[in-house]
């Protein structure tokens, strides 16, 4: 299998896209630790995933939590080969003129600063070993913009720019940083949109494949980027979006 003997951490891994990615990494041969804020939820998800999976509660936007996660993962695995920065939120859905600073900061803290904190903590370990692959789950929002989502769009675009900067700093030292940009996926984050017939129809009409994606459809690109098949890729973004960016 493509990832035999590898170890991986997936943030936001107890449900949706993160859970689907964790399953795909396991199926490819890796051992996987999923993270999130609720240990009970993580334990249930790890049990569902089966042998090779474990869970560790950690808030990706909290510096101390992230360091504790990195230390625990290194102790458990002896080193992490793959980091998937998947944790993300977009809870407010407001136009910019109605967005409170606290709401803006909440989204930035999780979607941008959280990625930085996790990337820094695990990147230090990877650089010390001279090898590693970091994959950020971004969004088509970084490329085309989405209405009522200024903070979310800014954060996701920031993550993609950060990956390019890190590539210049880290690629020659053996650590690759890439992005996967999903379109609209059937998850808790988009449940409200999917349940609204008008909004769903608008999204489907805008998407060349004329449907929302399933979480599992995001996982193949992550496994590829984590593997040696992508050994000459860093700073790249793979759009898994049903053709959204092309239109």
Protein backbone atom coordinates (compact mmCIF):
# COMPACT_ATOMS: atom_id res chain seq x y z
CA UNK A 1 0.00 0.00 0.00
CA UNK A 2 1.10 3.57 -0.73
CA UNK A 3 1.59 4.62 2.90
CA UNK A 4 2.78 1.46 4.62
CA UNK A 5 4.77 2.32 7.74
CA UNK A 6 3.73 5.99 7.67
CA UNK A 7 2.08 7.91 10.50
CA UNK A 8 -0.47 10.69 10.13
CA UNK A 9 -2.36 13.28 12.16
CA UNK A 10 -5.69 14.64 10.86
CA UNK A 11 -7.16 17.69 12.59
CA UNK A 12 -10.92 17.89 12.67
CA UNK A 13 -10.86 14.17 12.04
CA UNK A 14 -13.92 12.91 13.87
CA UNK A 15 -16.47 13.58 11.12
CA UNK A 16 -17.07 14.76 7.57
CA UNK A 17 -14.08 15.33 5.32
CA UNK A 18 -11.58 14.70 8.13
CA UNK A 19 -13.05 11.30 8.97
CA UNK A 20 -13.10 10.31 5.30
CA UNK A 21 -9.45 11.35 4.95
CA UNK A 22 -8.49 9.40 8.07
CA UNK A 23 -10.15 6.27 6.68
CA UNK A 24 -8.38 6.64 3.33
CA UNK A 25 -4.99 7.09 5.01
CA UNK A 26 -5.62 3.96 7.09
CA UNK A 27 -6.68 2.03 4.00
CA UNK A 28 -3.43 3.11 2.34
CA UNK A 29 -1.43 1.60 5.22
CA UNK A 30 -0.78 4.52 7.59
CA UNK A 31 -1.40 4.71 11.31
CA UNK A 32 -3.66 7.70 12.00
CA UNK A 33 -4.36 9.97 14.95
CA UNK A 34 -7.49 12.09 14.63
CA UNK A 35 -7.94 15.27 16.64
CA UNK A 36 -10.80 17.51 17.67
CA UNK A 37 -12.17 19.14 20.79
CA UNK A 38 -14.26 16.29 22.19
CA UNK A 39 -12.47 13.15 23.38
CA UNK A 40 -15.64 11.05 23.54
CA UNK A 41 -16.48 11.88 19.92
CA UNK A 42 -12.91 11.10 18.90
CA UNK A 43 -12.96 7.76 20.71
CA UNK A 44 -16.15 6.76 18.89
CA UNK A 45 -14.71 7.80 15.53
CA UNK A 46 -11.43 5.96 16.19
CA UNK A 47 -13.37 2.82 17.12
CA UNK A 48 -15.34 3.15 13.88
CA UNK A 49 -12.10 3.53 11.91
CA UNK A 50 -10.63 0.44 13.52
CA UNK A 51 -7.10 -0.88 13.98
CA UNK A 52 -4.40 1.76 13.56
CA UNK A 53 -6.59 4.69 14.55
CA UNK A 54 -6.49 6.72 17.74
CA UNK A 55 -7.91 10.04 18.96
CA UNK A 56 -6.50 12.91 21.00
CA UNK A 57 -8.50 15.95 22.08
CA UNK A 58 -6.91 19.24 21.06
CA UNK A 59 -8.06 22.72 20.05
CA UNK A 60 -6.19 23.59 16.87
CA UNK A 61 -6.42 27.30 17.66
CA UNK A 62 -4.83 26.93 21.11
CA UNK A 63 -1.03 27.03 21.14
CA UNK A 64 -0.62 24.91 24.30
CA UNK A 65 -3.11 22.31 23.05
CA UNK A 66 -1.31 22.02 19.73
CA UNK A 67 2.07 21.56 21.39
CA UNK A 68 0.60 18.88 23.65
CA UNK A 69 -0.81 17.16 20.56
CA UNK A 70 2.53 17.25 18.75
CA UNK A 71 4.36 15.92 21.80
CA UNK A 72 1.82 13.11 22.28
CA UNK A 73 1.94 12.12 18.62
CA UNK A 74 5.72 12.03 18.62
CA UNK A 75 5.71 9.92 21.78
CA UNK A 76 3.13 7.51 20.37
CA UNK A 77 4.48 7.21 16.84
CA UNK A 78 8.14 8.13 17.23
CA UNK A 79 7.55 10.84 14.62
CA UNK A 80 4.72 12.00 12.34
CA UNK A 81 5.16 11.69 8.57
CA UNK A 82 1.90 13.31 7.45
CA UNK A 83 -0.09 16.23 8.83
CA UNK A 84 -3.52 17.02 7.41
CA UNK A 85 -4.75 20.46 8.49
CA UNK A 86 -8.46 19.89 8.07
CA UNK A 87 -10.12 21.62 11.06
CA UNK A 88 -12.22 24.53 9.87
CA UNK A 89 -15.35 26.56 10.59
CA UNK A 90 -17.65 29.07 8.89
CA UNK A 91 -20.51 29.54 11.35
CA UNK A 92 -21.79 33.07 10.83
CA UNK A 93 -22.61 33.58 7.14
CA UNK A 94 -22.86 37.38 7.32
CA UNK A 95 -21.96 40.18 4.96
CA UNK A 96 -18.78 41.98 5.98
CA UNK A 97 -20.58 45.15 7.09
CA UNK A 98 -22.54 43.13 9.65
CA UNK A 99 -19.65 40.98 10.88
CA UNK A 100 -18.45 41.60 14.42
CA UNK A 101 -14.70 41.68 15.03
CA UNK A 102 -15.04 38.74 17.43
CA UNK A 103 -16.73 36.71 14.68
CA UNK A 104 -14.01 37.60 12.18
CA UNK A 105 -11.31 36.67 14.71
CA UNK A 106 -12.96 33.36 15.60
CA UNK A 107 -12.84 32.22 11.97
CA UNK A 108 -9.27 33.47 11.48
CA UNK A 109 -8.15 31.81 14.73
CA UNK A 110 -9.34 28.37 13.64
CA UNK A 111 -8.91 28.45 9.86
CA UNK A 112 -5.63 30.35 9.56
CA UNK A 113 -3.85 30.65 12.91
CA UNK A 114 -4.76 27.06 13.76
CA UNK A 115 -3.14 25.85 10.55
CA UNK A 116 -0.04 27.86 11.37
CA UNK A 117 0.18 26.49 14.92
CA UNK A 118 -0.18 22.87 13.80
CA UNK A 119 2.17 23.34 10.86
CA UNK A 120 4.81 24.95 13.06
CA UNK A 121 4.63 22.27 15.79
CA UNK A 122 4.73 19.28 13.44
CA UNK A 123 6.95 21.04 10.92
CA UNK A 124 9.67 21.41 13.56
CA UNK A 125 9.61 17.65 14.10
CA UNK A 126 9.62 16.93 10.37
CA UNK A 127 12.50 19.31 9.71
CA UNK A 128 14.53 17.63 12.44
CA UNK A 129 14.07 14.30 10.63
CA UNK A 130 14.43 15.80 7.14
CA UNK A 131 11.14 14.41 5.85
CA UNK A 132 7.41 15.08 5.96
CA UNK A 133 4.27 15.97 4.05
CA UNK A 134 1.74 18.59 5.17
CA UNK A 135 -1.60 18.85 3.40
CA UNK A 136 -3.97 21.75 4.07
CA UNK A 137 -7.67 21.45 3.32
CA UNK A 138 -8.52 24.86 1.90
CA UNK A 139 -11.48 25.75 -0.34
CA UNK A 140 -12.58 27.09 -3.68
CA UNK A 141 -13.35 30.15 -1.56
CA UNK A 142 -9.65 31.00 -1.76
CA UNK A 143 -9.95 31.33 -5.54
CA UNK A 144 -13.42 32.56 -6.46
CA UNK A 145 -14.74 34.06 -3.23
CA UNK A 146 -18.04 33.18 -1.57
CA UNK A 147 -20.77 35.56 -0.49
CA UNK A 148 -21.20 36.33 3.22
CA UNK A 149 -17.87 34.67 3.99
CA UNK A 150 -15.17 37.38 3.98
CA UNK A 151 -13.23 35.96 6.94
CA UNK A 152 -13.48 32.40 5.66
CA UNK A 153 -12.28 33.38 2.18
CA UNK A 154 -9.42 35.43 3.62
CA UNK A 155 -8.33 32.60 5.90
CA UNK A 156 -8.36 29.94 3.19
CA UNK A 157 -6.46 32.18 0.76
CA UNK A 158 -3.98 32.90 3.54
CA UNK A 159 -3.37 29.20 4.07
CA UNK A 160 -2.61 28.70 0.39
CA UNK A 161 -0.20 31.65 0.41
CA UNK A 162 1.44 30.29 3.55
CA UNK A 163 2.02 26.96 1.80
CA UNK A 164 3.94 28.76 -0.94
CA UNK A 165 6.08 30.59 1.60
CA UNK A 166 6.78 27.39 3.53
CA UNK A 167 7.73 25.67 0.31
CA UNK A 168 10.46 28.25 -0.23
CA UNK A 169 11.65 27.70 3.35
CA UNK A 170 11.25 23.94 3.76
CA UNK A 171 11.19 22.07 0.43
CA UNK A 172 14.96 21.77 0.19
CA UNK A 173 14.94 20.41 3.75
CA UNK A 174 12.62 17.53 2.90
CA UNK A 175 9.23 18.87 4.03
CA UNK A 176 6.51 19.35 1.42
CA UNK A 177 3.43 21.56 1.94
CA UNK A 178 0.46 21.32 -0.42
CA UNK A 179 -3.25 22.12 -0.45
CA UNK A 180 -6.47 20.40 -1.43
CA UNK A 181 -9.26 22.86 -2.29
CA UNK A 182 -12.71 21.27 -2.06
CA UNK A 183 -15.83 22.65 -3.62
CA UNK A 184 -19.15 22.20 -1.87
CA UNK A 185 -19.15 18.93 0.08
CA UNK A 186 -21.99 17.26 1.97
CA UNK A 187 -20.87 17.86 5.57
CA UNK A 188 -22.17 19.44 8.76
CA UNK A 189 -20.66 22.72 7.54
CA UNK A 190 -22.89 22.77 4.46
CA UNK A 191 -25.97 21.00 5.87
CA UNK A 192 -27.99 24.21 5.98
CA UNK A 193 -27.19 24.98 2.35
CA UNK A 194 -27.94 21.44 1.20
CA UNK A 195 -31.29 21.49 2.98
CA UNK A 196 -32.34 24.71 1.25
CA UNK A 197 -33.72 23.71 -2.16
CA UNK A 198 -33.05 27.12 -3.70
CA UNK A 199 -29.47 27.40 -2.45
CA UNK A 200 -28.68 23.81 -3.35
CA UNK A 201 -30.02 24.31 -6.85
CA UNK A 202 -27.90 27.46 -7.23
CA UNK A 203 -24.76 25.59 -6.15
CA UNK A 204 -25.51 22.65 -8.44
CA UNK A 205 -26.12 24.98 -11.39
CA UNK A 206 -22.79 26.75 -10.74
CA UNK A 207 -20.91 23.42 -10.50
CA UNK A 208 -20.14 21.75 -13.86
CA UNK A 209 -20.66 18.30 -12.30
CA UNK A 210 -24.06 19.56 -11.08
CA UNK A 211 -23.90 18.11 -7.57
CA UNK A 212 -22.29 18.44 -4.16
CA UNK A 213 -19.37 16.13 -3.38
CA UNK A 214 -19.26 13.27 -0.90
CA UNK A 215 -16.56 13.58 1.81
CA UNK A 216 -14.78 10.47 0.54
CA UNK A 217 -14.16 12.21 -2.80
CA UNK A 218 -11.70 14.57 -1.09
CA UNK A 219 -9.57 11.76 0.30
CA UNK A 220 -7.85 10.47 -2.83
CA UNK A 221 -6.03 13.73 -3.47
CA UNK A 222 -4.81 13.78 0.13
CA UNK A 223 -3.46 10.23 -0.06
CA UNK A 224 -1.70 11.10 -3.31
CA UNK A 225 -0.08 14.24 -1.88
CA UNK A 226 0.97 12.36 1.25
CA UNK A 227 2.65 9.63 -0.79
CA UNK A 228 5.93 9.34 -2.66
CA UNK A 229 3.92 9.64 -5.88
CA UNK A 230 3.86 13.39 -5.13
CA UNK A 231 7.51 13.61 -4.09
CA UNK A 232 8.22 16.50 -6.49
CA UNK A 233 5.19 18.56 -5.47
CA UNK A 234 5.19 21.40 -2.94
CA UNK A 235 3.31 24.69 -2.79
CA UNK A 236 0.62 23.27 -5.08
CA UNK A 237 -3.14 23.33 -4.76
CA UNK A 238 -5.25 20.47 -6.08
CA UNK A 239 -8.85 21.54 -6.67
CA UNK A 240 -11.37 18.77 -5.98
CA UNK A 241 -14.38 20.88 -6.80
CA UNK A 242 -16.51 19.35 -9.54
CA UNK A 243 -15.10 21.98 -11.91
CA UNK A 244 -16.14 25.00 -9.80
CA UNK A 245 -12.91 26.98 -10.32
CA UNK A 246 -13.00 26.35 -14.08
CA UNK A 247 -16.25 28.29 -14.51
